[in-house]
Structure formats: C-alpha cells, structure tokens
Amino acid sequence: MDSGSVSSLSNTGSIPDPYDISQNRGISDLNFVHIWSSTGVWDTPALKSQGKAISSILGSWEVSAIATLTTGVPFSIQGGEGNNNSGSDEYSDRADLTGQSLDVRQGAKVQWLTHYFNAGAFKFNAPGTWGDSARNLMVGSPFCNLDFMLAKNVPFKERYRVQFRWEMFNATNTPSFGTPDTYPSDGPAFGGIFGSDLPPRIMQLALKLYW
C-alpha cells in the first residue's frame, strides 16, 4: 500500500488532491501478490561409449526452460472531462462509484475480454471533485509465459564445440492480456481488453562456436 508509485524513485506520479494525500492511498502500482518463476536446464550425456552414430544423434543435447506466472497489474478507473473534471489540472481524477458490484473477470474468456468488470459500477466524478473510487481497486488478468530452448552440442578436439540452438519465446503462444480500458468516456469500449502485454510466439535459430 502507498500513496503514489512508479518504477523510478525520482518521480512518484501525480497526487489528485494535494490537500488530502490519504485520498490517493491504495494498492501500489508495483504490487504483484504472487510471482512464481522456475528455470531448468537438462544436459544429456555424450554417449561416446555407444558408438559414433548414436553419440552423434542422441548425445550432447541441452534442454532449458523458464516458466513465469504472476498475478495481474493493479489499475484505477479514470475520471471525466479528460481526467480533469476536478479542474485541478493534475489529470489524475478517478471515477465515482455507483454502488453496483464490480463483478471483475466474470464468465468465460470471451465475456470478460469484452467486459472485464461491470462498467455500470462507475460514473464520471462530479465537477470539482476528484472521484470517490479507490486507487488501484482492481487487478488485471494474470501473466503466464514459458520460454524454451533446445540445443545440440557437437564437441570436437578437446576444447571446442559447435552448438545449434532453437529458441522459443512464449513457447505455448499463451496470450497475457493487457489492462482493460479504464476511461468511462470511451462508451462501449469501457472495460474491454484490446491488447496483450506479451507478443505471440517468437522463434529463432542460432549457431555458436565455443572455444
């Protein structure tokens, strides 16, 4: 919990109401409730005792992977009039609550991609006010990623080897969706998700010489 946070300590962002900093207290922008990361590397034996053919085909392979799972990014709902209905020129207003339930990430994926939360739970903040919805009162969809590498090592002499690598980033091609639209003024788009924080699967090949 904090009253303002960005990745750089040189700037903590705008405070909507400079006379009441507590109004901006909420979940930190840098808060991730759960983070799990696992890395594994497996090297197969050279199998030199099995003969040159088997050793060349089955020996000296390397497999590695990095798996990352995290909870989503916290976000706020913006205010009206270009996020400046308060007239403070801080452009940090937040919406007012209507009293309806938030209904965050309900139903099947096709439903919550269109309506990640209940848009009816928010309305423009009243003119001259900063909005009564809490800062970072909701959290975006979780992040899931697997990077994978398969390599074939071909040793020669005593100190040299050639390595052929096949690498995949986001190997499972799993989308990690971005933050929903947080501007009530966007009409039907408000509350929908229209992008991903992770690119689709990317593959590359490489040839390396170790000496």
C-alpha atoms as a PDB file:
ATOM      1  CA  MET A   1       0.000   0.000   0.000  1.00  0.00           C
ATOM      2  CA  ASP A   2       1.221   3.507  -0.793  1.00  0.00           C
ATOM      3  CA  SER A   3       0.090   6.961  -1.885  1.00  0.00           C
ATOM      4  CA  GLY A   4       1.993   7.026  -5.170  1.00  0.00           C
ATOM      5  CA  SER A   5       4.380   4.735  -7.002  1.00  0.00           C
ATOM      6  CA  VAL A   6       6.237   4.428 -10.277  1.00  0.00           C
ATOM      7  CA  SER A   7       9.247   2.356 -11.277  1.00  0.00           C
ATOM      8  CA  SER A   8      11.567   5.356 -10.860  1.00  0.00           C
ATOM      9  CA  LEU A   9      12.091   6.763  -7.355  1.00  0.00           C
ATOM     10  CA  SER A  10      12.752  10.180  -8.869  1.00  0.00           C
ATOM     11  CA  ASN A  11       9.038  10.675  -9.570  1.00  0.00           C
ATOM     12  CA  THR A  12       6.076   9.250  -7.641  1.00  0.00           C
ATOM     13  CA  GLY A  13       3.416  10.493 -10.056  1.00  0.00           C
ATOM     14  CA  SER A  14       0.602  12.978  -9.506  1.00  0.00           C
ATOM     15  CA  ILE A  15      -1.453  13.325  -6.329  1.00  0.00           C
ATOM     16  CA  PRO A  16      -5.052  14.231  -7.290  1.00  0.00           C
ATOM     17  CA  ASP A  17      -5.794  16.261  -4.161  1.00  0.00           C
ATOM     18  CA  PRO A  18      -2.613  17.834  -2.721  1.00  0.00           C
ATOM     19  CA  TYR A  19      -4.566  18.816   0.415  1.00  0.00           C
ATOM     20  CA  ASP A  20      -5.545  15.218   1.175  1.00  0.00           C
ATOM     21  CA  ILE A  21      -2.820  12.740   0.253  1.00  0.00           C
ATOM     22  CA  SER A  22      -4.701   9.932   2.010  1.00  0.00           C
ATOM     23  CA  GLN A  23      -7.282  10.112  -0.795  1.00  0.00           C
ATOM     24  CA  ASN A  24      -4.634   8.582  -3.059  1.00  0.00           C
ATOM     25  CA  ARG A  25      -3.701   5.745  -0.722  1.00  0.00           C
ATOM     26  CA  GLY A  26      -4.240   2.340  -2.278  1.00  0.00           C
ATOM     27  CA  ILE A  27      -2.556  -0.759  -3.662  1.00  0.00           C
ATOM     28  CA  SER A  28       0.887   0.076  -5.016  1.00  0.00           C
ATOM     29  CA  ASP A  29       1.358   0.164  -8.782  1.00  0.00           C
ATOM     30  CA  LEU A  30       4.319  -2.186  -8.206  1.00  0.00           C
ATOM     31  CA  ASN A  31       2.348  -4.743  -6.189  1.00  0.00           C
ATOM     32  CA  PHE A  32       2.117  -8.296  -7.514  1.00  0.00           C
ATOM     33  CA  VAL A  33       0.521 -10.601  -4.956  1.00  0.00           C
ATOM     34  CA  HIS A  34       2.023 -13.769  -6.415  1.00  0.00           C
ATOM     35  CA  ILE A  35       5.144 -14.248  -8.537  1.00  0.00           C
ATOM     36  CA  TRP A  36       6.414 -17.704  -9.467  1.00  0.00           C
ATOM     37  CA  SER A  37       9.426 -18.287 -11.680  1.00  0.00           C
ATOM     38  CA  SER A  38      11.225 -21.554 -12.367  1.00  0.00           C
ATOM     39  CA  THR A  39      14.271 -22.292 -14.509  1.00  0.00           C
ATOM     40  CA  GLY A  40      15.522 -25.697 -15.572  1.00  0.00           C
ATOM     41  CA  VAL A  41      18.460 -26.971 -17.621  1.00  0.00           C
ATOM     42  CA  TRP A  42      18.994 -30.599 -18.654  1.00  0.00           C
ATOM     43  CA  ASP A  43      22.145 -31.839 -20.406  1.00  0.00           C
ATOM     44  CA  THR A  44      22.101 -35.336 -21.894  1.00  0.00           C
ATOM     45  CA  PRO A  45      25.301 -37.430 -21.744  1.00  0.00           C
ATOM     46  CA  ALA A  46      27.623 -37.535 -24.742  1.00  0.00           C
ATOM     47  CA  LEU A  47      27.128 -41.346 -25.096  1.00  0.00           C
ATOM     48  CA  LYS A  48      30.595 -41.779 -26.596  1.00  0.00           C
ATOM     49  CA  SER A  49      30.705 -45.387 -25.408  1.00  0.00           C
ATOM     50  CA  GLN A  50      27.635 -46.209 -27.558  1.00  0.00           C
ATOM     51  CA  GLY A  51      29.386 -45.642 -30.836  1.00  0.00           C
ATOM     52  CA  LYS A  52      29.816 -42.650 -33.112  1.00  0.00           C
ATOM     53  CA  ALA A  53      26.389 -42.887 -34.788  1.00  0.00           C
ATOM     54  CA  ILE A  54      24.376 -42.986 -31.549  1.00  0.00           C
ATOM     55  CA  SER A  55      26.603 -40.398 -29.938  1.00  0.00           C
ATOM     56  CA  SER A  56      26.156 -38.023 -32.891  1.00  0.00           C
ATOM     57  CA  ILE A  57      22.361 -38.373 -32.940  1.00  0.00           C
ATOM     58  CA  LEU A  58      21.351 -38.841 -29.308  1.00  0.00           C
ATOM     59  CA  GLY A  59      24.284 -37.478 -27.334  1.00  0.00           C
ATOM     60  CA  SER A  60      25.103 -33.959 -26.085  1.00  0.00           C
ATOM     61  CA  TRP A  61      21.641 -32.385 -26.237  1.00  0.00           C
ATOM     62  CA  GLU A  62      20.686 -29.472 -23.994  1.00  0.00           C
ATOM     63  CA  VAL A  63      17.145 -28.507 -22.982  1.00  0.00           C
ATOM     64  CA  SER A  64      16.272 -25.451 -20.891  1.00  0.00           C
ATOM     65  CA  ALA A  65      13.125 -23.555 -19.983  1.00  0.00           C
ATOM     66  CA  ILE A  66      11.995 -20.535 -17.967  1.00  0.00           C
ATOM     67  CA  ALA A  67       8.401 -20.511 -16.691  1.00  0.00           C
ATOM     68  CA  THR A  68       6.907 -17.350 -15.180  1.00  0.00           C
ATOM     69  CA  LEU A  69       3.494 -16.841 -13.598  1.00  0.00           C
ATOM     70  CA  THR A  70       2.356 -13.626 -11.922  1.00  0.00           C
ATOM     71  CA  THR A  71      -0.848 -12.000 -10.839  1.00  0.00           C
ATOM     72  CA  GLY A  72      -2.109  -9.024 -12.841  1.00  0.00           C
ATOM     73  CA  VAL A  73      -1.298  -5.326 -12.782  1.00  0.00           C
ATOM     74  CA  PRO A  74      -3.361  -3.079 -10.454  1.00  0.00           C
ATOM     75  CA  PHE A  75      -5.364  -0.331 -12.169  1.00  0.00           C
ATOM     76  CA  SER A  76      -7.722   2.566 -11.412  1.00  0.00           C
ATOM     77  CA  ILE A  77     -10.781   3.923 -13.207  1.00  0.00           C
ATOM     78  CA  GLN A  78     -10.257   7.395 -14.637  1.00  0.00           C
ATOM     79  CA  GLY A  79     -12.463  10.440 -14.204  1.00  0.00           C
ATOM     80  CA  GLY A  80     -14.381  12.564 -16.683  1.00  0.00           C
ATOM     81  CA  GLU A  81     -13.556  15.595 -18.840  1.00  0.00           C
ATOM     82  CA  GLY A  82     -10.217  14.244 -19.962  1.00  0.00           C
ATOM     83  CA  ASN A  83      -9.462  13.024 -16.442  1.00  0.00           C
ATOM     84  CA  ASN A  84      -9.746  16.611 -15.169  1.00  0.00           C
ATOM     85  CA  ASN A  85     -13.345  17.042 -14.025  1.00  0.00           C
ATOM     86  CA  SER A  86     -11.956  18.402 -10.777  1.00  0.00           C
ATOM     87  CA  GLY A  87     -10.411  21.348 -12.612  1.00  0.00           C
ATOM     88  CA  SER A  88      -7.150  20.822 -10.715  1.00  0.00           C
ATOM     89  CA  ASP A  89      -5.084  20.369 -13.913  1.00  0.00           C
ATOM     90  CA  GLU A  90      -3.424  17.327 -12.329  1.00  0.00           C
ATOM     91  CA  TYR A  91      -5.265  14.995 -14.740  1.00  0.00           C
ATOM     92  CA  SER A  92      -5.410  12.338 -12.034  1.00  0.00           C
ATOM     93  CA  ASP A  93      -9.147  12.232 -11.328  1.00  0.00           C
ATOM     94  CA  ARG A  94     -10.857   8.932 -10.662  1.00  0.00           C
ATOM     95  CA  ALA A  95     -14.434   7.922 -11.341  1.00  0.00           C
ATOM     96  CA  ASP A  96     -17.247   7.897  -8.786  1.00  0.00           C
ATOM     97  CA  LEU A  97     -18.767   4.613  -7.648  1.00  0.00           C
ATOM     98  CA  THR A  98     -22.453   3.974  -8.349  1.00  0.00           C
ATOM     99  CA  GLY A  99     -22.925   1.273  -5.728  1.00  0.00           C
ATOM    100  CA  GLN A 100     -23.174  -1.627  -8.167  1.00  0.00           C
ATOM    101  CA  SER A 101     -20.881  -4.639  -7.724  1.00  0.00           C
ATOM    102  CA  LEU A 102     -17.580  -4.654  -9.613  1.00  0.00           C
ATOM    103  CA  ASP A 103     -18.005  -8.216 -10.995  1.00  0.00           C
ATOM    104  CA  VAL A 104     -14.350  -8.463 -12.004  1.00  0.00           C
ATOM    105  CA  ARG A 105     -13.425 -11.131 -14.572  1.00  0.00           C
ATOM    106  CA  GLN A 106     -16.732 -12.942 -14.577  1.00  0.00           C
ATOM    107  CA  GLY A 107     -17.852 -15.650 -17.006  1.00  0.00           C
ATOM    108  CA  ALA A 108     -15.958 -17.233 -19.881  1.00  0.00           C
ATOM    109  CA  LYS A 109     -12.923 -15.609 -21.507  1.00  0.00           C
ATOM    110  CA  VAL A 110     -14.967 -14.243 -24.409  1.00  0.00           C
ATOM    111  CA  GLN A 111     -17.154 -12.442 -21.858  1.00  0.00           C
ATOM    112  CA  TRP A 112     -14.525 -10.890 -19.624  1.00  0.00           C
ATOM    113  CA  LEU A 113     -12.427  -9.778 -22.602  1.00  0.00           C
ATOM    114  CA  THR A 114     -15.386  -7.601 -23.596  1.00  0.00           C
ATOM    115  CA  HIS A 115     -16.431  -6.623 -20.047  1.00  0.00           C
ATOM    116  CA  TYR A 116     -13.577  -7.247 -17.616  1.00  0.00           C
ATOM    117  CA  PHE A 117     -15.611  -5.520 -14.911  1.00  0.00           C
ATOM    118  CA  ASN A 118     -19.094  -4.103 -14.546  1.00  0.00           C
ATOM    119  CA  ALA A 119     -18.982  -0.754 -16.336  1.00  0.00           C
ATOM    120  CA  GLY A 120     -22.198   0.236 -14.526  1.00  0.00           C
ATOM    121  CA  ALA A 121     -20.281   0.330 -11.244  1.00  0.00           C
ATOM    122  CA  PHE A 122     -18.684   3.651 -12.279  1.00  0.00           C
ATOM    123  CA  LYS A 123     -19.713   7.098 -13.430  1.00  0.00           C
ATOM    124  CA  PHE A 124     -17.963  10.407 -14.092  1.00  0.00           C
ATOM    125  CA  ASN A 125     -16.726  12.119 -10.954  1.00  0.00           C
ATOM    126  CA  ALA A 126     -18.772  15.152 -10.005  1.00  0.00           C
ATOM    127  CA  PRO A 127     -17.347  18.505 -11.206  1.00  0.00           C
ATOM    128  CA  GLY A 128     -14.960  19.979  -8.676  1.00  0.00           C
ATOM    129  CA  THR A 129     -14.233  16.620  -7.046  1.00  0.00           C
ATOM    130  CA  TRP A 130     -11.505  14.032  -7.531  1.00  0.00           C
ATOM    131  CA  GLY A 131     -13.747  10.951  -7.535  1.00  0.00           C
ATOM    132  CA  ASP A 132     -14.521   8.519  -4.732  1.00  0.00           C
ATOM    133  CA  SER A 133     -13.320   5.221  -6.271  1.00  0.00           C
ATOM    134  CA  ALA A 134     -10.154   3.876  -4.684  1.00  0.00           C
ATOM    135  CA  ARG A 135      -6.808   3.931  -6.410  1.00  0.00           C
ATOM    136  CA  ASN A 136      -5.905   0.562  -7.948  1.00  0.00           C
ATOM    137  CA  LEU A 137      -9.123  -1.028  -6.721  1.00  0.00           C
ATOM    138  CA  MET A 138      -8.916  -3.820  -9.333  1.00  0.00           C
ATOM    139  CA  VAL A 139      -6.244  -6.115 -10.739  1.00  0.00           C
ATOM    140  CA  GLY A 140      -5.766  -7.112 -14.371  1.00  0.00           C
ATOM    141  CA  SER A 141      -5.586 -10.629 -15.781  1.00  0.00           C
ATOM    142  CA  PRO A 142      -2.616 -12.837 -14.770  1.00  0.00           C
ATOM    143  CA  PHE A 143       0.610 -13.189 -16.750  1.00  0.00           C
ATOM    144  CA  CYS A 144       1.808 -16.599 -17.936  1.00  0.00           C
ATOM    145  CA  ASN A 145       4.903 -17.247 -20.047  1.00  0.00           C
ATOM    146  CA  LEU A 146       7.171 -20.160 -20.988  1.00  0.00           C
ATOM    147  CA  ASP A 147      10.477 -19.695 -22.816  1.00  0.00           C
ATOM    148  CA  PHE A 148      12.092 -22.854 -24.194  1.00  0.00           C
ATOM    149  CA  MET A 149      15.444 -23.741 -25.728  1.00  0.00           C
ATOM    150  CA  LEU A 150      16.672 -26.928 -27.428  1.00  0.00           C
ATOM    151  CA  ALA A 151      20.324 -27.183 -28.415  1.00  0.00           C
ATOM    152  CA  LYS A 152      22.585 -29.778 -29.985  1.00  0.00           C
ATOM    153  CA  ASN A 153      26.236 -29.644 -28.947  1.00  0.00           C
ATOM    154  CA  VAL A 154      28.885 -31.073 -31.243  1.00  0.00           C
ATOM    155  CA  PRO A 155      32.242 -31.244 -29.432  1.00  0.00           C
ATOM    156  CA  PHE A 156      35.490 -31.635 -31.338  1.00  0.00           C
ATOM    157  CA  LYS A 157      39.131 -31.636 -30.327  1.00  0.00           C
ATOM    158  CA  GLU A 158      39.310 -31.146 -26.540  1.00  0.00           C
ATOM    159  CA  ARG A 159      38.290 -27.538 -26.063  1.00  0.00           C
ATOM    160  CA  TYR A 160      35.933 -26.724 -28.960  1.00  0.00           C
ATOM    161  CA  ARG A 161      32.287 -27.339 -29.648  1.00  0.00           C
ATOM    162  CA  VAL A 162      29.644 -26.122 -32.082  1.00  0.00           C
ATOM    163  CA  GLN A 163      26.141 -25.564 -30.789  1.00  0.00           C
ATOM    164  CA  PHE A 164      22.948 -25.362 -32.829  1.00  0.00           C
ATOM    165  CA  ARG A 165      20.162 -23.654 -30.843  1.00  0.00           C
ATOM    166  CA  TRP A 166      16.405 -23.460 -31.364  1.00  0.00           C
ATOM    167  CA  GLU A 167      14.784 -20.943 -29.025  1.00  0.00           C
ATOM    168  CA  MET A 168      11.122 -20.121 -28.473  1.00  0.00           C
ATOM    169  CA  PHE A 169       9.821 -17.143 -26.504  1.00  0.00           C
ATOM    170  CA  ASN A 170       6.235 -17.581 -25.284  1.00  0.00           C
ATOM    171  CA  ALA A 171       6.588 -21.166 -26.471  1.00  0.00           C
ATOM    172  CA  THR A 172       2.965 -22.078 -25.702  1.00  0.00           C
ATOM    173  CA  ASN A 173       1.703 -18.982 -27.563  1.00  0.00           C
ATOM    174  CA  THR A 174      -0.365 -18.087 -24.493  1.00  0.00           C
ATOM    175  CA  PRO A 175      -1.779 -14.537 -24.553  1.00  0.00           C
ATOM    176  CA  SER A 176      -1.258 -12.388 -21.457  1.00  0.00           C
ATOM    177  CA  PHE A 177      -3.898  -9.724 -21.829  1.00  0.00           C
ATOM    178  CA  GLY A 178      -3.327  -6.051 -21.149  1.00  0.00           C
ATOM    179  CA  THR A 179      -5.133  -3.689 -18.809  1.00  0.00           C
ATOM    180  CA  PRO A 180      -8.801  -3.029 -19.644  1.00  0.00           C
ATOM    181  CA  ASP A 181      -9.993   0.321 -20.982  1.00  0.00           C
ATOM    182  CA  THR A 182     -10.321   2.498 -17.866  1.00  0.00           C
ATOM    183  CA  TYR A 183     -11.993   5.596 -19.365  1.00  0.00           C
ATOM    184  CA  PRO A 184     -15.785   5.793 -18.862  1.00  0.00           C
ATOM    185  CA  SER A 185     -15.912   8.350 -21.683  1.00  0.00           C
ATOM    186  CA  ASP A 186     -14.978   5.601 -24.170  1.00  0.00           C
ATOM    187  CA  GLY A 187     -18.551   4.293 -24.137  1.00  0.00           C
ATOM    188  CA  PRO A 188     -18.949   0.640 -25.207  1.00  0.00           C
ATOM    189  CA  ALA A 189     -15.161   0.158 -25.166  1.00  0.00           C
ATOM    190  CA  PHE A 190     -15.018   0.975 -21.444  1.00  0.00           C
ATOM    191  CA  GLY A 191     -13.996  -2.154 -19.527  1.00  0.00           C
ATOM    192  CA  GLY A 192     -12.909  -4.108 -22.600  1.00  0.00           C
ATOM    193  CA  ILE A 193      -9.459  -5.564 -23.261  1.00  0.00           C
ATOM    194  CA  PHE A 194      -7.987  -4.868 -26.689  1.00  0.00           C
ATOM    195  CA  GLY A 195      -4.327  -5.813 -26.430  1.00  0.00           C
ATOM    196  CA  SER A 196      -1.722  -8.125 -24.975  1.00  0.00           C
ATOM    197  CA  ASP A 197       1.280  -7.411 -22.762  1.00  0.00           C
ATOM    198  CA  LEU A 198       3.113 -10.327 -24.355  1.00  0.00           C
ATOM    199  CA  PRO A 199       3.881 -10.836 -28.061  1.00  0.00           C
ATOM    200  CA  PRO A 200       2.880 -14.109 -29.742  1.00  0.00           C
ATOM    201  CA  ARG A 201       5.357 -16.977 -30.024  1.00  0.00           C
ATOM    202  CA  ILE A 202       8.733 -15.899 -31.395  1.00  0.00           C
ATOM    203  CA  MET A 203      11.300 -18.446 -32.587  1.00  0.00           C
ATOM    204  CA  GLN A 204      14.919 -18.040 -33.585  1.00  0.00           C
ATOM    205  CA  LEU A 205      17.768 -20.278 -34.681  1.00  0.00           C
ATOM    206  CA  ALA A 206      21.406 -19.746 -33.804  1.00  0.00           C
ATOM    207  CA  LEU A 207      24.764 -21.365 -34.488  1.00  0.00           C
ATOM    208  CA  LYS A 208      27.507 -20.818 -31.908  1.00  0.00           C
ATOM    209  CA  LEU A 209      31.161 -21.757 -31.700  1.00  0.00           C
ATOM    210  CA  TYR A 210      32.677 -22.248 -28.241  1.00  0.00           C
ATOM    211  CA  TRP A 211      36.417 -22.185 -27.781  1.00  0.00           C
END
